[in-house]
Amino acid sequence: TTIARTESARVFNQSQFEADRQFLISNNLMNKAYKKLRSRTGTPCDHCNLLIKRPPIPFQANFADLGTQLTVTETSDSGDVKVKTLPVNWEAIKAGNVHPNCNCEYVLIIKD
């Protein structure tokens, strides 16, 4: 179930990315195109939230490159600090799908 859910979301996001890329090229808008990560559920995990809080990036750029690590720090109510690291070790994150069962996608932004 996890694999099916993850891959279905990945295929949807990659298809949207390719459609947007073709649209931007055919309309000569690539130099004005940006994207921002967002959660479909509104309750992203800490790793996704790290990327969601970043400002829009150029459309062709990756949210995270292959080989990087997304690191977040979590502090419990008792003051215990926990560092969580998510390696980007399968493919660059360019259209969402930061981890298995991820519900994130990107939003296309065209700036004037």
PDB file of N, CA and C in Angstrom:
ATOM      1  N   THR A   1       0.829  -1.193   0.000  1.00  0.00           N
ATOM      2  CA  THR A   1       0.000   0.000   0.000  1.00  0.00           C
ATOM      3  C   THR A   1       0.872   1.255   0.000  1.00  0.00           C
ATOM      4  N   THR A   2       1.926   1.251   0.802  1.00  0.00           N
ATOM      5  CA  THR A   2       2.812   2.413   0.869  1.00  0.00           C
ATOM      6  C   THR A   2       3.465   2.679  -0.481  1.00  0.00           C
ATOM      7  N   ILE A   3       3.953   1.647  -1.119  1.00  0.00           N
ATOM      8  CA  ILE A   3       4.603   1.817  -2.420  1.00  0.00           C
ATOM      9  C   ILE A   3       3.605   2.325  -3.450  1.00  0.00           C
ATOM     10  N   ALA A   4       2.426   1.740  -3.489  1.00  0.00           N
ATOM     11  CA  ALA A   4       1.407   2.165  -4.457  1.00  0.00           C
ATOM     12  C   ALA A   4       1.001   3.616  -4.232  1.00  0.00           C
ATOM     13  N   ARG A   5       0.786   3.986  -2.979  1.00  0.00           N
ATOM     14  CA  ARG A   5       0.389   5.364  -2.654  1.00  0.00           C
ATOM     15  C   ARG A   5       1.511   6.347  -3.029  1.00  0.00           C
ATOM     16  N   THR A   6       2.738   5.990  -2.682  1.00  0.00           N
ATOM     17  CA  THR A   6       3.885   6.861  -2.955  1.00  0.00           C
ATOM     18  C   THR A   6       4.099   7.026  -4.456  1.00  0.00           C
ATOM     19  N   GLU A   7       4.083   5.927  -5.179  1.00  0.00           N
ATOM     20  CA  GLU A   7       4.332   5.989  -6.623  1.00  0.00           C
ATOM     21  C   GLU A   7       3.198   6.654  -7.384  1.00  0.00           C
ATOM     22  N   SER A   8       1.973   6.486  -6.936  1.00  0.00           N
ATOM     23  CA  SER A   8       0.843   7.176  -7.579  1.00  0.00           C
ATOM     24  C   SER A   8       0.998   8.681  -7.450  1.00  0.00           C
ATOM     25  N   ALA A   9       1.346   9.140  -6.254  1.00  0.00           N
ATOM     26  CA  ALA A   9       1.551  10.576  -6.046  1.00  0.00           C
ATOM     27  C   ALA A   9       2.739  11.071  -6.848  1.00  0.00           C
ATOM     28  N   ARG A  10       3.802  10.275  -6.890  1.00  0.00           N
ATOM     29  CA  ARG A  10       5.007  10.656  -7.631  1.00  0.00           C
ATOM     30  C   ARG A  10       4.706  10.797  -9.121  1.00  0.00           C
ATOM     31  N   VAL A  11       3.991   9.834  -9.693  1.00  0.00           N
ATOM     32  CA  VAL A  11       3.642   9.884 -11.122  1.00  0.00           C
ATOM     33  C   VAL A  11       2.775  11.108 -11.412  1.00  0.00           C
ATOM     34  N   PHE A  12       1.814  11.383 -10.548  1.00  0.00           N
ATOM     35  CA  PHE A  12       0.965  12.552 -10.748  1.00  0.00           C
ATOM     36  C   PHE A  12       1.799  13.833 -10.744  1.00  0.00           C
ATOM     37  N   ASN A  13       2.673  13.986  -9.737  1.00  0.00           N
ATOM     38  CA  ASN A  13       3.490  15.196  -9.636  1.00  0.00           C
ATOM     39  C   ASN A  13       4.477  15.320 -10.792  1.00  0.00           C
ATOM     40  N   GLN A  14       5.097  14.227 -11.196  1.00  0.00           N
ATOM     41  CA  GLN A  14       6.047  14.264 -12.313  1.00  0.00           C
ATOM     42  C   GLN A  14       5.328  14.609 -13.616  1.00  0.00           C
ATOM     43  N   SER A  15       4.122  14.080 -13.805  1.00  0.00           N
ATOM     44  CA  SER A  15       3.338  14.395 -15.007  1.00  0.00           C
ATOM     45  C   SER A  15       2.974  15.873 -15.047  1.00  0.00           C
ATOM     46  N   GLN A  16       2.564  16.402 -13.898  1.00  0.00           N
ATOM     47  CA  GLN A  16       2.235  17.829 -13.824  1.00  0.00           C
ATOM     48  C   GLN A  16       3.468  18.679 -14.105  1.00  0.00           C
ATOM     49  N   PHE A  17       4.604  18.267 -13.559  1.00  0.00           N
ATOM     50  CA  PHE A  17       5.856  18.996 -13.791  1.00  0.00           C
ATOM     51  C   PHE A  17       6.192  19.022 -15.285  1.00  0.00           C
ATOM     52  N   GLU A  18       6.081  17.889 -15.943  1.00  0.00           N
ATOM     53  CA  GLU A  18       6.399  17.820 -17.378  1.00  0.00           C
ATOM     54  C   GLU A  18       5.415  18.655 -18.191  1.00  0.00           C
ATOM     55  N   ALA A  19       4.145  18.622 -17.841  1.00  0.00           N
ATOM     56  CA  ALA A  19       3.149  19.440 -18.549  1.00  0.00           C
ATOM     57  C   ALA A  19       3.440  20.930 -18.354  1.00  0.00           C
ATOM     58  N   ASP A  20       3.763  21.317 -17.126  1.00  0.00           N
ATOM     59  CA  ASP A  20       4.093  22.720 -16.855  1.00  0.00           C
ATOM     60  C   ASP A  20       5.367  23.129 -17.591  1.00  0.00           C
ATOM     61  N   ARG A  21       6.353  22.247 -17.608  1.00  0.00           N
ATOM     62  CA  ARG A  21       7.612  22.544 -18.312  1.00  0.00           C
ATOM     63  C   ARG A  21       7.347  22.799 -19.796  1.00  0.00           C
ATOM     64  N   GLN A  22       6.549  21.962 -20.418  1.00  0.00           N
ATOM     65  CA  GLN A  22       6.232  22.141 -21.837  1.00  0.00           C
ATOM     66  C   GLN A  22       5.453  23.440 -22.066  1.00  0.00           C
ATOM     67  N   PHE A  23       4.515  23.742 -21.180  1.00  0.00           N
ATOM     68  CA  PHE A  23       3.758  24.990 -21.277  1.00  0.00           C
ATOM     69  C   PHE A  23       4.684  26.197 -21.178  1.00  0.00           C
ATOM     70  N   LEU A  24       5.580  26.172 -20.202  1.00  0.00           N
ATOM     71  CA  LEU A  24       6.491  27.304 -19.997  1.00  0.00           C
ATOM     72  C   LEU A  24       7.424  27.504 -21.189  1.00  0.00           C
ATOM     73  N   ILE A  25       7.926  26.425 -21.740  1.00  0.00           N
ATOM     74  CA  ILE A  25       8.806  26.524 -22.907  1.00  0.00           C
ATOM     75  C   ILE A  25       8.035  27.054 -24.110  1.00  0.00           C
ATOM     76  N   SER A  26       6.864  26.502 -24.375  1.00  0.00           N
ATOM     77  CA  SER A  26       6.111  26.909 -25.568  1.00  0.00           C
ATOM     78  C   SER A  26       5.614  28.347 -25.488  1.00  0.00           C
ATOM     79  N   ASN A  27       5.479  28.879 -24.274  1.00  0.00           N
ATOM     80  CA  ASN A  27       5.024  30.258 -24.103  1.00  0.00           C
ATOM     81  C   ASN A  27       6.142  31.209 -23.691  1.00  0.00           C
ATOM     82  N   ASN A  28       7.377  30.724 -23.767  1.00  0.00           N
ATOM     83  CA  ASN A  28       8.556  31.530 -23.455  1.00  0.00           C
ATOM     84  C   ASN A  28       8.462  32.184 -22.071  1.00  0.00           C
ATOM     85  N   LEU A  29       8.058  31.390 -21.084  1.00  0.00           N
ATOM     86  CA  LEU A  29       7.872  31.901 -19.732  1.00  0.00           C
ATOM     87  C   LEU A  29       8.851  31.319 -18.711  1.00  0.00           C
ATOM     88  N   MET A  30       9.771  30.482 -19.149  1.00  0.00           N
ATOM     89  CA  MET A  30      10.644  29.794 -18.201  1.00  0.00           C
ATOM     90  C   MET A  30      11.419  30.769 -17.307  1.00  0.00           C
ATOM     91  N   ASN A  31      11.817  31.918 -17.857  1.00  0.00           N
ATOM     92  CA  ASN A  31      12.592  32.870 -17.046  1.00  0.00           C
ATOM     93  C   ASN A  31      11.737  33.585 -16.003  1.00  0.00           C
ATOM     94  N   LYS A  32      10.413  33.425 -16.057  1.00  0.00           N
ATOM     95  CA  LYS A  32       9.511  34.031 -15.075  1.00  0.00           C
ATOM     96  C   LYS A  32       8.883  32.988 -14.154  1.00  0.00           C
ATOM     97  N   ALA A  33       9.240  31.720 -14.356  1.00  0.00           N
ATOM     98  CA  ALA A  33       8.566  30.624 -13.659  1.00  0.00           C
ATOM     99  C   ALA A  33       9.301  30.217 -12.381  1.00  0.00           C
ATOM    100  N   TYR A  34       8.529  30.056 -11.334  1.00  0.00           N
ATOM    101  CA  TYR A  34       9.022  29.621 -10.033  1.00  0.00           C
ATOM    102  C   TYR A  34       8.068  28.551  -9.506  1.00  0.00           C
ATOM    103  N   LYS A  35       8.475  27.896  -8.457  1.00  0.00           N
ATOM    104  CA  LYS A  35       7.604  26.906  -7.822  1.00  0.00           C
ATOM    105  C   LYS A  35       7.824  26.939  -6.319  1.00  0.00           C
ATOM    106  N   LYS A  36       6.799  26.490  -5.608  1.00  0.00           N
ATOM    107  CA  LYS A  36       6.850  26.435  -4.148  1.00  0.00           C
ATOM    108  C   LYS A  36       6.213  25.123  -3.727  1.00  0.00           C
ATOM    109  N   LEU A  37       6.822  24.481  -2.745  1.00  0.00           N
ATOM    110  CA  LEU A  37       6.286  23.220  -2.238  1.00  0.00           C
ATOM    111  C   LEU A  37       5.118  23.501  -1.299  1.00  0.00           C
ATOM    112  N   ARG A  38       4.105  22.641  -1.345  1.00  0.00           N
ATOM    113  CA  ARG A  38       2.980  22.744  -0.416  1.00  0.00           C
ATOM    114  C   ARG A  38       2.471  21.340  -0.091  1.00  0.00           C
ATOM    115  N   SER A  39       1.798  21.243   1.021  1.00  0.00           N
ATOM    116  CA  SER A  39       1.216  19.975   1.457  1.00  0.00           C
ATOM    117  C   SER A  39      -0.231  19.916   1.017  1.00  0.00           C
ATOM    118  N   ARG A  40      -0.647  18.793   0.487  1.00  0.00           N
ATOM    119  CA  ARG A  40      -2.054  18.609   0.116  1.00  0.00           C
ATOM    120  C   ARG A  40      -2.933  18.446   1.358  1.00  0.00           C
ATOM    121  N   THR A  41      -2.354  17.965   2.441  1.00  0.00           N
ATOM    122  CA  THR A  41      -3.143  17.691   3.648  1.00  0.00           C
ATOM    123  C   THR A  41      -3.160  18.849   4.631  1.00  0.00           C
ATOM    124  N   GLY A  42      -2.210  19.745   4.516  1.00  0.00           N
ATOM    125  CA  GLY A  42      -2.136  20.860   5.459  1.00  0.00           C
ATOM    126  C   GLY A  42      -1.395  20.533   6.735  1.00  0.00           C
ATOM    127  N   THR A  43      -0.976  19.285   6.894  1.00  0.00           N
ATOM    128  CA  THR A  43      -0.219  18.890   8.088  1.00  0.00           C
ATOM    129  C   THR A  43       1.066  18.184   7.650  1.00  0.00           C
ATOM    130  N   PRO A  44       2.030  18.937   7.120  1.00  0.00           N
ATOM    131  CA  PRO A  44       3.263  18.306   6.637  1.00  0.00           C
ATOM    132  C   PRO A  44       4.160  17.836   7.779  1.00  0.00           C
ATOM    133  N   CYS A  45       4.985  16.857   7.471  1.00  0.00           N
ATOM    134  CA  CYS A  45       5.978  16.407   8.446  1.00  0.00           C
ATOM    135  C   CYS A  45       7.057  17.492   8.580  1.00  0.00           C
ATOM    136  N   ASP A  46       7.945  17.319   9.522  1.00  0.00           N
ATOM    137  CA  ASP A  46       8.992  18.319   9.777  1.00  0.00           C
ATOM    138  C   ASP A  46       9.909  18.508   8.571  1.00  0.00           C
ATOM    139  N   HIS A  47      10.251  17.404   7.879  1.00  0.00           N
ATOM    140  CA  HIS A  47      11.151  17.520   6.729  1.00  0.00           C
ATOM    141  C   HIS A  47      10.487  18.281   5.584  1.00  0.00           C
ATOM    142  N   CYS A  48       9.230  17.974   5.333  1.00  0.00           N
ATOM    143  CA  CYS A  48       8.508  18.705   4.287  1.00  0.00           C
ATOM    144  C   CYS A  48       8.314  20.163   4.685  1.00  0.00           C
ATOM    145  N   ASN A  49       7.995  20.400   5.939  1.00  0.00           N
ATOM    146  CA  ASN A  49       7.794  21.764   6.420  1.00  0.00           C
ATOM    147  C   ASN A  49       9.045  22.618   6.239  1.00  0.00           C
ATOM    148  N   LEU A  50      10.210  21.989   6.390  1.00  0.00           N
ATOM    149  CA  LEU A  50      11.480  22.683   6.152  1.00  0.00           C
ATOM    150  C   LEU A  50      11.521  23.241   4.729  1.00  0.00           C
ATOM    151  N   LEU A  51      11.095  22.437   3.758  1.00  0.00           N
ATOM    152  CA  LEU A  51      11.091  22.873   2.354  1.00  0.00           C
ATOM    153  C   LEU A  51       9.930  23.814   2.050  1.00  0.00           C
ATOM    154  N   ILE A  52       8.789  23.592   2.689  1.00  0.00           N
ATOM    155  CA  ILE A  52       7.613  24.434   2.463  1.00  0.00           C
ATOM    156  C   ILE A  52       7.872  25.871   2.916  1.00  0.00           C
ATOM    157  N   LYS A  53       8.624  26.043   3.983  1.00  0.00           N
ATOM    158  CA  LYS A  53       8.898  27.378   4.521  1.00  0.00           C
ATOM    159  C   LYS A  53       9.856  28.189   3.650  1.00  0.00           C
ATOM    160  N   ARG A  54      10.529  27.547   2.725  1.00  0.00           N
ATOM    161  CA  ARG A  54      11.478  28.268   1.866  1.00  0.00           C
ATOM    162  C   ARG A  54      10.722  29.107   0.841  1.00  0.00           C
ATOM    163  N   PRO A  55      11.335  30.192   0.376  1.00  0.00           N
ATOM    164  CA  PRO A  55      10.677  31.020  -0.654  1.00  0.00           C
ATOM    165  C   PRO A  55      10.630  30.271  -1.991  1.00  0.00           C
ATOM    166  N   PRO A  56       9.828  30.763  -2.930  1.00  0.00           N
ATOM    167  CA  PRO A  56       9.776  30.121  -4.250  1.00  0.00           C
ATOM    168  C   PRO A  56      11.161  30.018  -4.887  1.00  0.00           C
ATOM    169  N   ILE A  57      11.358  28.953  -5.647  1.00  0.00           N
ATOM    170  CA  ILE A  57      12.629  28.715  -6.337  1.00  0.00           C
ATOM    171  C   ILE A  57      12.385  28.680  -7.835  1.00  0.00           C
ATOM    172  N   PRO A  58      13.418  28.914  -8.661  1.00  0.00           N
ATOM    173  CA  PRO A  58      13.228  28.809 -10.110  1.00  0.00           C
ATOM    174  C   PRO A  58      12.640  27.444 -10.484  1.00  0.00           C
ATOM    175  N   PHE A  59      11.773  27.428 -11.476  1.00  0.00           N
ATOM    176  CA  PHE A  59      11.050  26.216 -11.846  1.00  0.00           C
ATOM    177  C   PHE A  59      11.966  25.030 -12.108  1.00  0.00           C
ATOM    178  N   GLN A  60      13.075  25.234 -12.764  1.00  0.00           N
ATOM    179  CA  GLN A  60      13.965  24.127 -13.128  1.00  0.00           C
ATOM    180  C   GLN A  60      14.845  23.663 -11.959  1.00  0.00           C
ATOM    181  N   ALA A  61      14.902  24.426 -10.870  1.00  0.00           N
ATOM    182  CA  ALA A  61      15.731  24.057  -9.720  1.00  0.00           C
ATOM    183  C   ALA A  61      15.069  22.937  -8.925  1.00  0.00           C
ATOM    184  N   ASN A  62      15.866  22.225  -8.159  1.00  0.00           N
ATOM    185  CA  ASN A  62      15.359  21.168  -7.287  1.00  0.00           C
ATOM    186  C   ASN A  62      15.087  21.723  -5.898  1.00  0.00           C
ATOM    187  N   PHE A  63      14.064  21.187  -5.256  1.00  0.00           N
ATOM    188  CA  PHE A  63      13.828  21.523  -3.857  1.00  0.00           C
ATOM    189  C   PHE A  63      14.959  20.969  -2.996  1.00  0.00           C
ATOM    190  N   ALA A  64      15.486  19.817  -3.393  1.00  0.00           N
ATOM    191  CA  ALA A  64      16.652  19.214  -2.735  1.00  0.00           C
ATOM    192  C   ALA A  64      17.356  18.339  -3.768  1.00  0.00           C
ATOM    193  N   ASP A  65      18.672  18.452  -3.833  1.00  0.00           N
ATOM    194  CA  ASP A  65      19.460  17.682  -4.793  1.00  0.00           C
ATOM    195  C   ASP A  65      19.755  16.286  -4.273  1.00  0.00           C
ATOM    196  N   LEU A  66      19.945  15.372  -5.191  1.00  0.00           N
ATOM    197  CA  LEU A  66      20.334  14.018  -4.854  1.00  0.00           C
ATOM    198  C   LEU A  66      21.641  14.059  -4.065  1.00  0.00           C
ATOM    199  N   GLY A  67      21.706  13.326  -2.979  1.00  0.00           N
ATOM    200  CA  GLY A  67      22.906  13.290  -2.151  1.00  0.00           C
ATOM    201  C   GLY A  67      22.890  14.250  -0.979  1.00  0.00           C
ATOM    202  N   THR A  68      21.907  15.141  -0.919  1.00  0.00           N
ATOM    203  CA  THR A  68      21.827  16.051   0.223  1.00  0.00           C
ATOM    204  C   THR A  68      21.055  15.393   1.363  1.00  0.00           C
ATOM    205  N   GLN A  69      21.054  16.039   2.503  1.00  0.00           N
ATOM    206  CA  GLN A  69      20.287  15.556   3.648  1.00  0.00           C
ATOM    207  C   GLN A  69      19.425  16.687   4.184  1.00  0.00           C
ATOM    208  N   LEU A  70      18.198  16.364   4.498  1.00  0.00           N
ATOM    209  CA  LEU A  70      17.293  17.324   5.124  1.00  0.00           C
ATOM    210  C   LEU A  70      17.329  17.058   6.620  1.00  0.00           C
ATOM    211  N   THR A  71      17.761  18.030   7.383  1.00  0.00           N
ATOM    212  CA  THR A  71      17.928  17.857   8.823  1.00  0.00           C
ATOM    213  C   THR A  71      17.051  18.842   9.570  1.00  0.00           C
ATOM    214  N   VAL A  72      16.288  18.323  10.511  1.00  0.00           N
ATOM    215  CA  VAL A  72      15.426  19.157  11.358  1.00  0.00           C
ATOM    216  C   VAL A  72      15.696  18.814  12.814  1.00  0.00           C
ATOM    217  N   THR A  73      15.455  19.786  13.671  1.00  0.00           N
ATOM    218  CA  THR A  73      15.634  19.603  15.107  1.00  0.00           C
ATOM    219  C   THR A  73      14.279  19.716  15.778  1.00  0.00           C
ATOM    220  N   GLU A  74      14.010  18.800  16.659  1.00  0.00           N
ATOM    221  CA  GLU A  74      12.737  18.759  17.367  1.00  0.00           C
ATOM    222  C   GLU A  74      13.017  18.840  18.864  1.00  0.00           C
ATOM    223  N   THR A  75      12.300  19.719  19.554  1.00  0.00           N
ATOM    224  CA  THR A  75      12.455  19.848  21.004  1.00  0.00           C
ATOM    225  C   THR A  75      11.158  19.427  21.674  1.00  0.00           C
ATOM    226  N   SER A  76      11.260  18.473  22.573  1.00  0.00           N
ATOM    227  CA  SER A  76      10.073  17.992  23.284  1.00  0.00           C
ATOM    228  C   SER A  76       9.678  18.985  24.382  1.00  0.00           C
ATOM    229  N   ASP A  77       8.513  18.782  24.959  1.00  0.00           N
ATOM    230  CA  ASP A  77       8.038  19.644  26.047  1.00  0.00           C
ATOM    231  C   ASP A  77       8.979  19.602  27.247  1.00  0.00           C
ATOM    232  N   SER A  78       9.684  18.474  27.396  1.00  0.00           N
ATOM    233  CA  SER A  78      10.612  18.345  28.524  1.00  0.00           C
ATOM    234  C   SER A  78      11.986  18.945  28.221  1.00  0.00           C
ATOM    235  N   GLY A  79      12.170  19.440  26.991  1.00  0.00           N
ATOM    236  CA  GLY A  79      13.429  20.077  26.626  1.00  0.00           C
ATOM    237  C   GLY A  79      14.422  19.171  25.925  1.00  0.00           C
ATOM    238  N   ASP A  80      14.056  17.907  25.733  1.00  0.00           N
ATOM    239  CA  ASP A  80      14.932  16.987  25.011  1.00  0.00           C
ATOM    240  C   ASP A  80      14.985  17.383  23.539  1.00  0.00           C
ATOM    241  N   VAL A  81      16.194  17.404  22.993  1.00  0.00           N
ATOM    242  CA  VAL A  81      16.392  17.789  21.595  1.00  0.00           C
ATOM    243  C   VAL A  81      16.678  16.531  20.779  1.00  0.00           C
ATOM    244  N   LYS A  82      15.980  16.412  19.677  1.00  0.00           N
ATOM    245  CA  LYS A  82      16.145  15.265  18.790  1.00  0.00           C
ATOM    246  C   LYS A  82      16.425  15.791  17.380  1.00  0.00           C
ATOM    247  N   VAL A  83      17.489  15.298  16.767  1.00  0.00           N
ATOM    248  CA  VAL A  83      17.830  15.680  15.401  1.00  0.00           C
ATOM    249  C   VAL A  83      17.383  14.556  14.471  1.00  0.00           C
ATOM    250  N   LYS A  84      16.594  14.919  13.459  1.00  0.00           N
ATOM    251  CA  LYS A  84      16.103  13.938  12.491  1.00  0.00           C
ATOM    252  C   LYS A  84      16.665  14.293  11.111  1.00  0.00           C
ATOM    253  N   THR A  85      17.230  13.300  10.456  1.00  0.00           N
ATOM    254  CA  THR A  85      17.840  13.509   9.139  1.00  0.00           C
ATOM    255  C   THR A  85      17.168  12.608   8.112  1.00  0.00           C
ATOM    256  N   LEU A  86      16.837  13.180   6.967  1.00  0.00           N
ATOM    257  CA  LEU A  86      16.264  12.435   5.853  1.00  0.00           C
ATOM    258  C   LEU A  86      17.214  12.563   4.662  1.00  0.00           C
ATOM    259  N   PRO A  87      17.902  11.481   4.290  1.00  0.00           N
ATOM    260  CA  PRO A  87      18.796  11.569   3.136  1.00  0.00           C
ATOM    261  C   PRO A  87      17.998  11.587   1.831  1.00  0.00           C
ATOM    262  N   VAL A  88      18.421  12.424   0.903  1.00  0.00           N
ATOM    263  CA  VAL A  88      17.828  12.448  -0.431  1.00  0.00           C
ATOM    264  C   VAL A  88      18.703  11.509  -1.255  1.00  0.00           C
ATOM    265  N   ASN A  89      18.324  10.239  -1.259  1.00  0.00           N
ATOM    266  CA  ASN A  89      19.211   9.231  -1.834  1.00  0.00           C
ATOM    267  C   ASN A  89      18.601   8.410  -2.955  1.00  0.00           C
ATOM    268  N   TRP A  90      17.441   8.788  -3.427  1.00  0.00           N
ATOM    269  CA  TRP A  90      16.833   8.037  -4.517  1.00  0.00           C
ATOM    270  C   TRP A  90      16.789   8.872  -5.787  1.00  0.00           C
ATOM    271  N   GLU A  91      16.263  10.091  -5.695  1.00  0.00           N
ATOM    272  CA  GLU A  91      16.254  11.037  -6.805  1.00  0.00           C
ATOM    273  C   GLU A  91      16.108  12.440  -6.239  1.00  0.00           C
ATOM    274  N   ALA A  92      16.507  13.426  -7.030  1.00  0.00           N
ATOM    275  CA  ALA A  92      16.360  14.817  -6.604  1.00  0.00           C
ATOM    276  C   ALA A  92      14.872  15.124  -6.406  1.00  0.00           C
ATOM    277  N   ILE A  93      14.592  16.012  -5.477  1.00  0.00           N
ATOM    278  CA  ILE A  93      13.202  16.399  -5.220  1.00  0.00           C
ATOM    279  C   ILE A  93      12.898  17.622  -6.072  1.00  0.00           C
ATOM    280  N   LYS A  94      12.128  17.412  -7.147  1.00  0.00           N
ATOM    281  CA  LYS A  94      11.838  18.525  -8.050  1.00  0.00           C
ATOM    282  C   LYS A  94      10.356  18.837  -8.181  1.00  0.00           C
ATOM    283  N   ALA A  95       9.483  17.896  -7.795  1.00  0.00           N
ATOM    284  CA  ALA A  95       8.060  18.138  -7.986  1.00  0.00           C
ATOM    285  C   ALA A  95       7.223  17.770  -6.764  1.00  0.00           C
ATOM    286  N   GLY A  96       7.855  17.483  -5.653  1.00  0.00           N
ATOM    287  CA  GLY A  96       7.151  17.019  -4.458  1.00  0.00           C
ATOM    288  C   GLY A  96       7.667  15.647  -4.080  1.00  0.00           C
ATOM    289  N   ASN A  97       6.867  14.900  -3.344  1.00  0.00           N
ATOM    290  CA  ASN A  97       7.230  13.538  -2.956  1.00  0.00           C
ATOM    291  C   ASN A  97       8.590  13.489  -2.284  1.00  0.00           C
ATOM    292  N   VAL A  98       8.663  14.058  -1.122  1.00  0.00           N
ATOM    293  CA  VAL A  98       9.917  14.155  -0.381  1.00  0.00           C
ATOM    294  C   VAL A  98      10.302  12.817   0.247  1.00  0.00           C
ATOM    295  N   HIS A  99       9.320  12.004   0.609  1.00  0.00           N
ATOM    296  CA  HIS A  99       9.552  10.730   1.299  1.00  0.00           C
ATOM    297  C   HIS A  99       8.372   9.800   1.027  1.00  0.00           C
ATOM    298  N   PRO A 100       8.452   8.527   1.403  1.00  0.00           N
ATOM    299  CA  PRO A 100       7.305   7.629   1.229  1.00  0.00           C
ATOM    300  C   PRO A 100       6.063   8.161   1.933  1.00  0.00           C
ATOM    301  N   ASN A 101       4.920   7.965   1.302  1.00  0.00           N
ATOM    302  CA  ASN A 101       3.618   8.446   1.798  1.00  0.00           C
ATOM    303  C   ASN A 101       3.525   9.961   1.877  1.00  0.00           C
ATOM    304  N   CYS A 102       4.362  10.666   1.168  1.00  0.00           N
ATOM    305  CA  CYS A 102       4.360  12.129   1.175  1.00  0.00           C
ATOM    306  C   CYS A 102       3.150  12.660   0.418  1.00  0.00           C
ATOM    307  N   ASN A 103       2.540  13.683   0.949  1.00  0.00           N
ATOM    308  CA  ASN A 103       1.385  14.320   0.316  1.00  0.00           C
ATOM    309  C   ASN A 103       1.719  15.721  -0.183  1.00  0.00           C
ATOM    310  N   CYS A 104       2.968  15.958  -0.512  1.00  0.00           N
ATOM    311  CA  CYS A 104       3.368  17.284  -0.973  1.00  0.00           C
ATOM    312  C   CYS A 104       3.410  17.356  -2.489  1.00  0.00           C
ATOM    313  N   GLU A 105       3.170  18.544  -2.983  1.00  0.00           N
ATOM    314  CA  GLU A 105       3.215  18.847  -4.402  1.00  0.00           C
ATOM    315  C   GLU A 105       3.780  20.253  -4.540  1.00  0.00           C
ATOM    316  N   TYR A 106       3.988  20.695  -5.763  1.00  0.00           N
ATOM    317  CA  TYR A 106       4.462  22.066  -5.942  1.00  0.00           C
ATOM    318  C   TYR A 106       3.345  22.909  -6.540  1.00  0.00           C
ATOM    319  N   VAL A 107       3.492  24.207  -6.368  1.00  0.00           N
ATOM    320  CA  VAL A 107       2.601  25.192  -6.967  1.00  0.00           C
ATOM    321  C   VAL A 107       3.418  25.985  -7.970  1.00  0.00           C
ATOM    322  N   LEU A 108       2.929  26.118  -9.180  1.00  0.00           N
ATOM    323  CA  LEU A 108       3.589  26.912 -10.218  1.00  0.00           C
ATOM    324  C   LEU A 108       3.287  28.392  -9.975  1.00  0.00           C
ATOM    325  N   ILE A 109       4.341  29.201 -10.024  1.00  0.00           N
ATOM    326  CA  ILE A 109       4.205  30.652  -9.845  1.00  0.00           C
ATOM    327  C   ILE A 109       4.868  31.314 -11.044  1.00  0.00           C
ATOM    328  N   ILE A 110       4.140  32.200 -11.704  1.00  0.00           N
ATOM    329  CA  ILE A 110       4.701  32.955 -12.815  1.00  0.00           C
ATOM    330  C   ILE A 110       4.760  34.416 -12.389  1.00  0.00           C
ATOM    331  N   LYS A 111       5.967  34.939 -12.268  1.00  0.00           N
ATOM    332  CA  LYS A 111       6.156  36.319 -11.812  1.00  0.00           C
ATOM    333  C   LYS A 111       6.281  37.246 -13.010  1.00  0.00           C
ATOM    334  N   ASP A 112       5.771  38.437 -12.841  1.00  0.00           N
ATOM    335  CA  ASP A 112       5.895  39.450 -13.909  1.00  0.00           C
ATOM    336  C   ASP A 112       7.232  40.108 -13.890  1.00  0.00           C
TER     337      ASP A 112
END
